[in-house]
Amino acid sequence: MERYLYTARRYLWVITVILAILAISGSLSAFTEYVTTYESSATIWIARNSQSVLQTIDSATTDQPTLPNFQTPANEYAEVLSQFVQTQAFLREVIDRSSLKEGFAGAADQVAYLEDIRKRFRVQALGMNLVKVSFRASSPQLTFEMVSATLAVRDERTLKDQLGATSSSSLFYQREFDGAQIEAIRAQKQLDDFNSTHPGPWNAADDYKQRQLRLASDLAQIRTQDLKTRVDRASIASALLQLSQGPNVEVIDHPEVPKLPSGGLRPAAFLLGVALSGGVALAGLVVVLGTLLQASIASEADLGRLGAATLFATIPHVARRRSKGARGEIRAALAAAAFGRTSQPQTAEAGT
């Protein structure tokens, strides 16, 4: 540990410069992100007319798959809307109703464009009945447009699904009605053809045949009217069932154009955290590499690693002269001492 502390003190100025550069750049990026980000949101109240919660079985969210998982209206609405946001068709409809329509049409990579839009949405359940839908962007007007378009497209899709369920329930009666109407037209045509070919007076056989044709036509008309009534009743019953079982959605806080920057605190904090983490990581890398690549003895622990050493030889203690020519020429001085050119050599024991 002492070696790393020694390296850290040795490269303190390098570590300081790295931390300062990354901290300043991260702070500037975080400040820019914070002051240029706007967020618009809408608060929605969802309540079921039956005052009951939706019971589902979800093995992915429960420890035991056989146990029921109760889901509140807010969680159900938020989950459905979040799944809609994950689809490209839904985002395309939302973008077509905003000012991003031209930019999306001219984008080189529309998939990446949609992915960037998707990351800016946030759907959050605030309780059992409250849901908050928000969108953040650099344009205040754009945030308002995207939230409003999202709610509008969601309502239209919900209404379309309800109408589809209503029509499917009355589809059987509609098919029966179409068949009965064809039979009624055919029976009336047979009666008209008989009357045109038998102007009268009729005998007993013609009168019996004409009565049978009229009776068949009347029965076909009665069956057609009965099926028409059943189709209408089925449509009304299905619509009432959908209204009674479906959620009651009401927008409490409508989206507005933000006047001040908001919603950029989390992205700004993330950018600053990434910059500081990168600075700490680089500083640690400098210390580790500096310690591993350093071959000199930096502390008492390094001396302890060398162990006991024997005396190998003695070298003369050469005093360094202050002359300009001999400055730093330690090799020449040692060579002169080794070959006897020094008159009074002083020796000092050295151990390694």
Protein backbone atom coordinates (compact mmCIF):
# COMPACT_ATOMS: atom_id res chain seq x y z
CA MET A 1 0.00 0.00 0.00
CA GLU A 2 2.91 2.32 0.74
CA ARG A 3 4.20 1.94 -2.81
CA TYR A 4 0.85 3.08 -4.22
CA LEU A 5 0.75 6.05 -1.85
CA TYR A 6 4.28 6.98 -2.87
CA THR A 7 3.30 6.78 -6.55
CA ALA A 8 0.19 8.86 -5.90
CA ARG A 9 2.28 11.56 -4.21
CA ARG A 10 4.81 11.39 -7.01
CA TYR A 11 2.20 11.83 -9.77
CA LEU A 12 -0.05 14.14 -7.77
CA TRP A 13 0.04 16.87 -10.36
CA VAL A 14 -0.92 14.44 -13.14
CA ILE A 15 -3.86 13.13 -11.09
CA THR A 16 -4.93 16.67 -10.25
CA VAL A 17 -4.90 17.70 -13.91
CA ILE A 18 -6.92 14.64 -14.96
CA LEU A 19 -9.54 15.17 -12.25
CA ALA A 20 -9.76 18.89 -12.97
CA ILE A 21 -10.23 18.41 -16.72
CA LEU A 22 -12.90 15.75 -16.38
CA ALA A 23 -14.69 17.54 -13.54
CA ILE A 24 -14.82 20.82 -15.47
CA SER A 25 -15.96 19.17 -18.71
CA GLY A 26 -18.54 17.08 -16.87
CA SER A 27 -19.86 20.10 -14.99
CA LEU A 28 -20.22 22.09 -18.21
CA SER A 29 -22.03 19.22 -19.92
CA ALA A 30 -24.34 18.74 -16.94
CA PHE A 31 -25.11 22.46 -16.74
CA THR A 32 -25.83 22.63 -20.48
CA GLU A 33 -28.11 19.60 -20.26
CA TYR A 34 -29.97 21.06 -17.30
CA VAL A 35 -30.60 24.55 -18.72
CA THR A 36 -31.59 23.31 -22.20
CA THR A 37 -34.02 20.55 -21.16
CA TYR A 38 -37.76 21.13 -20.88
CA GLU A 39 -40.42 18.69 -19.73
CA SER A 40 -44.18 18.69 -20.14
CA SER A 41 -46.42 16.26 -18.30
CA ALA A 42 -50.05 15.27 -17.87
CA THR A 43 -51.69 13.71 -14.82
CA ILE A 44 -54.47 11.21 -15.54
CA TRP A 45 -57.09 9.78 -13.20
CA ILE A 46 -58.16 6.21 -13.95
CA ALA A 47 -61.04 4.54 -12.13
CA ARG A 48 -63.06 1.41 -12.83
CA ASN A 49 -66.81 1.80 -12.79
CA SER A 50 -67.12 -1.52 -10.96
CA GLN A 51 -64.72 -0.24 -8.25
CA SER A 52 -62.65 -3.40 -8.55
CA VAL A 53 -59.07 -4.13 -9.40
CA LEU A 54 -57.86 -6.20 -12.29
CA GLN A 55 -56.79 -9.68 -11.29
CA THR A 56 -54.13 -11.26 -13.44
CA ILE A 57 -51.83 -14.24 -13.11
CA ASP A 58 -48.27 -13.33 -13.94
CA SER A 59 -45.59 -15.91 -13.24
CA ALA A 60 -42.85 -13.39 -13.98
CA THR A 61 -43.84 -11.03 -11.15
CA THR A 62 -44.79 -13.53 -8.46
CA ASP A 63 -42.77 -16.15 -6.65
CA GLN A 64 -45.52 -18.74 -7.11
CA PRO A 65 -47.19 -18.79 -10.53
CA THR A 66 -50.44 -20.17 -9.07
CA LEU A 67 -51.00 -17.10 -6.88
CA PRO A 68 -53.04 -14.23 -8.38
CA ASN A 69 -51.44 -10.85 -8.87
CA PHE A 70 -53.78 -7.88 -8.31
CA GLN A 71 -53.14 -4.92 -10.58
CA THR A 72 -54.54 -1.46 -9.90
CA PRO A 73 -56.17 0.64 -12.65
CA ALA A 74 -53.20 3.02 -12.67
CA ASN A 75 -50.69 0.21 -13.08
CA GLU A 76 -52.78 -1.33 -15.85
CA TYR A 77 -53.05 1.98 -17.74
CA ALA A 78 -49.33 2.75 -17.29
CA GLU A 79 -48.34 -0.74 -18.43
CA VAL A 80 -50.50 -0.55 -21.55
CA LEU A 81 -49.25 2.93 -22.45
CA SER A 82 -45.63 1.90 -21.88
CA GLN A 83 -46.12 -1.03 -24.24
CA PHE A 84 -47.64 1.29 -26.83
CA VAL A 85 -44.57 3.54 -26.59
CA GLN A 86 -42.34 0.53 -27.31
CA THR A 87 -44.02 0.01 -30.69
CA GLN A 88 -42.94 1.87 -33.81
CA ALA A 89 -46.47 2.21 -35.21
CA PHE A 90 -47.67 4.10 -32.14
CA LEU A 91 -44.67 6.45 -32.16
CA ARG A 92 -45.14 7.12 -35.87
CA GLU A 93 -48.74 8.20 -35.24
CA VAL A 94 -47.62 10.47 -32.40
CA ILE A 95 -44.84 12.02 -34.49
CA ASP A 96 -47.22 12.63 -37.40
CA ARG A 97 -49.26 14.91 -35.10
CA SER A 98 -46.27 16.95 -33.93
CA SER A 99 -43.67 19.27 -35.41
CA LEU A 100 -41.24 16.34 -35.71
CA LYS A 101 -43.06 15.00 -38.77
CA GLU A 102 -40.74 16.63 -41.32
CA GLY A 103 -37.59 15.82 -39.37
CA PHE A 104 -38.61 12.18 -39.02
CA ALA A 105 -39.41 11.91 -42.73
CA GLY A 106 -35.94 13.21 -43.64
CA ALA A 107 -34.03 11.15 -41.06
CA ALA A 108 -31.39 8.82 -42.48
CA ASP A 109 -31.94 6.21 -39.74
CA GLN A 110 -35.57 6.28 -38.68
CA VAL A 111 -35.14 3.37 -36.25
CA ALA A 112 -32.49 5.28 -34.27
CA TYR A 113 -34.69 8.37 -34.45
CA LEU A 114 -37.60 6.48 -32.90
CA GLU A 115 -35.31 5.00 -30.25
CA ASP A 116 -34.20 8.49 -29.21
CA ILE A 117 -37.84 9.61 -29.00
CA ARG A 118 -38.74 6.53 -26.96
CA LYS A 119 -36.07 7.29 -24.35
CA ARG A 120 -37.56 10.73 -23.74
CA PHE A 121 -40.95 9.34 -22.66
CA ARG A 122 -41.71 8.50 -19.07
CA VAL A 123 -44.88 6.81 -17.85
CA GLN A 124 -45.21 6.50 -14.08
CA ALA A 125 -48.02 5.25 -11.84
CA LEU A 126 -48.34 7.62 -8.87
CA GLY A 127 -50.81 5.52 -6.94
CA MET A 128 -53.80 3.28 -7.42
CA ASN A 129 -55.58 5.70 -9.76
CA LEU A 130 -53.06 8.35 -10.86
CA VAL A 131 -50.70 8.11 -13.84
CA LYS A 132 -48.18 10.71 -14.96
CA VAL A 133 -47.07 10.88 -18.60
CA SER A 134 -44.12 13.16 -19.41
CA PHE A 135 -41.81 13.94 -22.31
CA ARG A 136 -38.58 15.91 -22.26
CA ALA A 137 -36.85 17.72 -25.13
CA SER A 138 -34.88 20.86 -25.88
CA SER A 139 -37.98 22.62 -27.27
CA PRO A 140 -40.80 23.64 -24.89
CA GLN A 141 -43.43 23.52 -27.64
CA LEU A 142 -42.33 20.05 -28.70
CA THR A 143 -42.85 18.61 -25.21
CA PHE A 144 -46.43 19.90 -25.16
CA GLU A 145 -47.15 18.52 -28.63
CA MET A 146 -45.78 15.06 -27.89
CA VAL A 147 -47.70 14.58 -24.63
CA SER A 148 -50.95 15.83 -26.17
CA ALA A 149 -50.52 13.62 -29.24
CA THR A 150 -49.73 10.60 -27.06
CA LEU A 151 -52.94 10.96 -25.07
CA ALA A 152 -54.99 11.53 -28.23
CA VAL A 153 -53.61 8.47 -30.04
CA ARG A 154 -54.07 6.34 -26.90
CA ASP A 155 -57.73 7.36 -26.58
CA GLU A 156 -58.40 6.70 -30.26
CA ARG A 157 -56.87 3.24 -30.10
CA THR A 158 -58.86 2.42 -26.96
CA LEU A 159 -62.10 3.54 -28.59
CA LYS A 160 -61.28 1.52 -31.70
CA ASP A 161 -60.68 -1.59 -29.59
CA GLN A 162 -63.98 -1.13 -27.79
CA LEU A 163 -65.84 -0.74 -31.06
CA GLY A 164 -64.11 -3.84 -32.40
CA ALA A 165 -65.21 -5.85 -29.38
CA THR A 166 -68.77 -4.56 -29.77
CA SER A 167 -68.93 -5.47 -33.46
CA SER A 168 -67.51 -8.94 -32.84
CA SER A 169 -70.23 -9.72 -30.30
CA SER A 170 -72.99 -8.79 -32.77
CA LEU A 171 -71.31 -10.37 -35.81
CA PHE A 172 -73.28 -13.61 -35.47
CA TYR A 173 -76.63 -11.85 -35.51
CA GLN A 174 -75.52 -9.66 -38.40
CA ARG A 175 -74.72 -12.70 -40.52
CA GLU A 176 -78.07 -14.26 -39.67
CA PHE A 177 -79.79 -11.01 -40.54
CA ASP A 178 -78.07 -10.85 -43.94
CA GLY A 179 -79.17 -14.40 -44.73
CA ALA A 180 -82.75 -13.75 -43.62
CA GLN A 181 -82.91 -10.60 -45.71
CA ILE A 182 -81.85 -12.54 -48.82
CA GLU A 183 -84.54 -15.16 -48.11
CA ALA A 184 -87.17 -12.44 -47.68
CA ILE A 185 -86.26 -10.85 -51.00
CA ARG A 186 -86.39 -14.24 -52.72
CA ALA A 187 -89.80 -15.10 -51.22
CA GLN A 188 -91.25 -11.74 -52.22
CA LYS A 189 -89.92 -12.18 -55.76
CA GLN A 190 -91.57 -15.62 -56.05
CA LEU A 191 -94.87 -14.12 -54.91
CA ASP A 192 -94.61 -11.26 -57.39
CA ASP A 193 -93.76 -13.65 -60.22
CA PHE A 194 -96.76 -15.86 -59.40
CA ASN A 195 -99.12 -12.88 -59.30
CA SER A 196 -97.83 -11.63 -62.64
CA THR A 197 -98.24 -14.99 -64.37
CA HIS A 198 -101.66 -15.75 -62.85
CA PRO A 199 -103.81 -12.65 -63.30
CA GLY A 200 -106.99 -14.58 -62.30
CA PRO A 201 -109.57 -15.73 -61.66
CA TRP A 202 -107.82 -18.48 -59.66
CA ASN A 203 -108.95 -22.01 -59.10
CA ALA A 204 -108.48 -23.83 -55.82
CA ALA A 205 -104.93 -24.97 -56.64
CA ASP A 206 -103.76 -21.49 -57.67
CA ASP A 207 -105.34 -19.95 -54.62
CA TYR A 208 -103.60 -22.48 -52.36
CA LYS A 209 -100.24 -21.82 -54.07
CA GLN A 210 -100.65 -18.05 -53.78
CA ARG A 211 -101.47 -18.34 -50.04
CA GLN A 212 -98.35 -20.48 -49.46
CA LEU A 213 -96.11 -17.96 -51.23
CA ARG A 214 -97.60 -15.05 -49.30
CA LEU A 215 -97.18 -16.87 -46.00
CA ALA A 216 -93.51 -17.64 -46.80
CA SER A 217 -92.91 -13.99 -47.67
CA ASP A 218 -94.56 -12.78 -44.46
CA LEU A 219 -92.56 -15.23 -42.34
CA ALA A 220 -89.30 -14.14 -44.00
CA GLN A 221 -90.13 -10.49 -43.31
CA ILE A 222 -90.96 -11.25 -39.68
CA ARG A 223 -87.69 -13.18 -39.22
CA THR A 224 -85.76 -10.31 -40.79
CA GLN A 225 -87.30 -7.79 -38.41
CA ASP A 226 -86.63 -10.06 -35.45
CA LEU A 227 -82.96 -10.48 -36.34
CA LYS A 228 -82.62 -6.74 -36.91
CA THR A 229 -83.91 -6.14 -33.40
CA ARG A 230 -81.47 -8.70 -32.01
CA VAL A 231 -78.54 -7.03 -33.79
CA ASP A 232 -79.46 -3.67 -32.27
CA ARG A 233 -79.89 -5.14 -28.82
CA ALA A 234 -76.57 -6.99 -29.04
CA SER A 235 -74.77 -3.79 -30.06
CA ILE A 236 -76.31 -1.82 -27.19
CA ALA A 237 -75.59 -4.59 -24.69
CA SER A 238 -71.95 -4.89 -25.78
CA ALA A 239 -71.47 -1.13 -25.63
CA LEU A 240 -72.96 -0.98 -22.14
CA LEU A 241 -70.77 -3.89 -21.05
CA GLN A 242 -67.65 -2.20 -22.36
CA LEU A 243 -68.56 1.03 -20.60
CA SER A 244 -69.32 -0.72 -17.33
CA GLN A 245 -66.17 -2.84 -17.30
CA GLY A 246 -63.77 -0.39 -18.95
CA PRO A 247 -61.83 2.24 -17.02
CA ASN A 248 -63.03 5.80 -16.60
CA VAL A 249 -60.16 7.99 -17.81
CA GLU A 250 -60.02 11.68 -16.98
CA VAL A 251 -57.11 14.05 -17.58
CA ILE A 252 -56.79 16.11 -14.39
CA ASP A 253 -53.68 18.14 -15.25
CA HIS A 254 -53.52 18.84 -18.97
CA PRO A 255 -50.09 19.27 -20.62
CA GLU A 256 -48.79 22.81 -20.86
CA VAL A 257 -45.89 24.54 -22.59
CA PRO A 258 -43.12 24.79 -19.95
CA LYS A 259 -41.71 28.26 -19.38
CA LEU A 260 -38.66 27.26 -17.34
CA PRO A 261 -36.18 24.39 -17.79
CA SER A 262 -37.28 21.24 -16.02
CA GLY A 263 -36.74 17.52 -16.21
CA GLY A 264 -33.00 17.77 -16.85
CA LEU A 265 -31.78 17.11 -13.32
CA ARG A 266 -31.43 13.35 -13.70
CA PRO A 267 -29.60 13.47 -17.07
CA ALA A 268 -27.33 16.23 -15.75
CA ALA A 269 -26.52 14.25 -12.61
CA PHE A 270 -25.81 11.19 -14.76
CA LEU A 271 -23.38 13.12 -16.97
CA LEU A 272 -21.57 14.58 -13.97
CA GLY A 273 -21.36 11.18 -12.29
CA VAL A 274 -19.93 9.59 -15.43
CA ALA A 275 -17.29 12.32 -15.73
CA LEU A 276 -16.23 12.05 -12.07
CA SER A 277 -16.19 8.26 -12.22
CA GLY A 278 -14.04 8.39 -15.33
CA GLY A 279 -11.62 10.78 -13.61
CA VAL A 280 -11.30 8.54 -10.57
CA ALA A 281 -10.78 5.50 -12.80
CA LEU A 282 -8.05 7.23 -14.82
CA ALA A 283 -6.33 8.43 -11.65
CA GLY A 284 -6.37 4.91 -10.26
CA LEU A 285 -4.97 3.57 -13.53
CA VAL A 286 -2.12 6.10 -13.41
CA VAL A 287 -1.26 5.07 -9.85
CA VAL A 288 -1.36 1.33 -10.62
CA LEU A 289 0.69 1.59 -13.80
CA GLY A 290 3.16 3.96 -12.19
CA THR A 291 3.65 1.56 -9.31
CA LEU A 292 4.03 -1.54 -11.46
CA LEU A 293 6.45 0.07 -13.93
CA GLN A 294 8.60 1.69 -11.25
CA ALA A 295 11.84 -0.26 -10.59
CA SER A 296 13.36 1.97 -7.89
CA ILE A 297 13.16 1.56 -4.12
CA ALA A 298 10.44 3.85 -2.83
CA SER A 299 9.88 2.85 0.79
CA GLU A 300 11.10 0.70 3.70
CA ALA A 301 8.86 -2.09 2.47
CA ASP A 302 10.90 -2.23 -0.71
CA LEU A 303 14.09 -2.52 1.31
CA GLY A 304 12.56 -5.35 3.30
CA ARG A 305 11.83 -7.24 0.13
CA LEU A 306 15.51 -7.23 -0.80
CA GLY A 307 16.56 -9.19 2.27
CA ALA A 308 20.06 -9.29 3.81
CA ALA A 309 22.90 -8.65 1.37
CA THR A 310 26.64 -9.31 1.76
CA LEU A 311 29.43 -6.86 1.05
CA PHE A 312 30.58 -7.34 -2.49
CA ALA A 313 33.19 -4.54 -2.91
CA THR A 314 34.19 -1.03 -1.88
CA ILE A 315 34.15 1.98 -4.13
CA PRO A 316 35.89 5.25 -3.48
CA HIS A 317 33.85 8.22 -2.36
CA VAL A 318 34.37 10.79 -5.08
CA ALA A 319 33.62 14.37 -4.30
CA ARG A 320 31.79 16.12 -7.14
CA ARG A 321 33.56 19.21 -8.33
CA ARG A 322 31.73 22.41 -9.02
CA SER A 323 33.62 23.09 -12.20
CA LYS A 324 31.58 23.44 -15.36
CA GLY A 325 33.43 20.77 -17.26
CA ALA A 326 33.23 18.09 -14.56
CA ARG A 327 29.55 18.64 -13.72
CA GLY A 328 27.71 15.36 -13.91
CA GLU A 329 30.79 13.40 -15.11
CA ILE A 330 30.52 10.72 -12.44
CA ARG A 331 31.69 8.03 -14.81
CA ALA A 332 34.96 9.82 -15.58
CA ALA A 333 35.62 10.39 -11.90
CA LEU A 334 35.05 6.74 -11.06
CA ALA A 335 37.30 5.64 -13.93
CA ALA A 336 40.06 7.92 -12.69
CA ALA A 337 39.70 6.55 -9.19
CA ALA A 338 39.80 2.98 -10.46
CA PHE A 339 43.02 3.46 -12.43
CA GLY A 340 44.88 5.27 -9.66
CA ARG A 341 44.69 8.79 -10.96
CA THR A 342 43.26 10.08 -7.68
CA SER A 343 45.92 10.98 -5.15
CA GLN A 344 44.00 10.46 -1.92
CA PRO A 345 40.94 8.32 -2.52
CA GLN A 346 38.38 8.07 0.24
CA THR A 347 36.53 4.81 0.44
CA ALA A 348 33.09 4.02 1.67
CA GLU A 349 31.49 0.69 2.10
CA ALA A 350 28.36 0.11 0.07
CA GLY A 351 26.04 -2.82 0.29
CA THR A 352 23.32 -3.74 -2.01
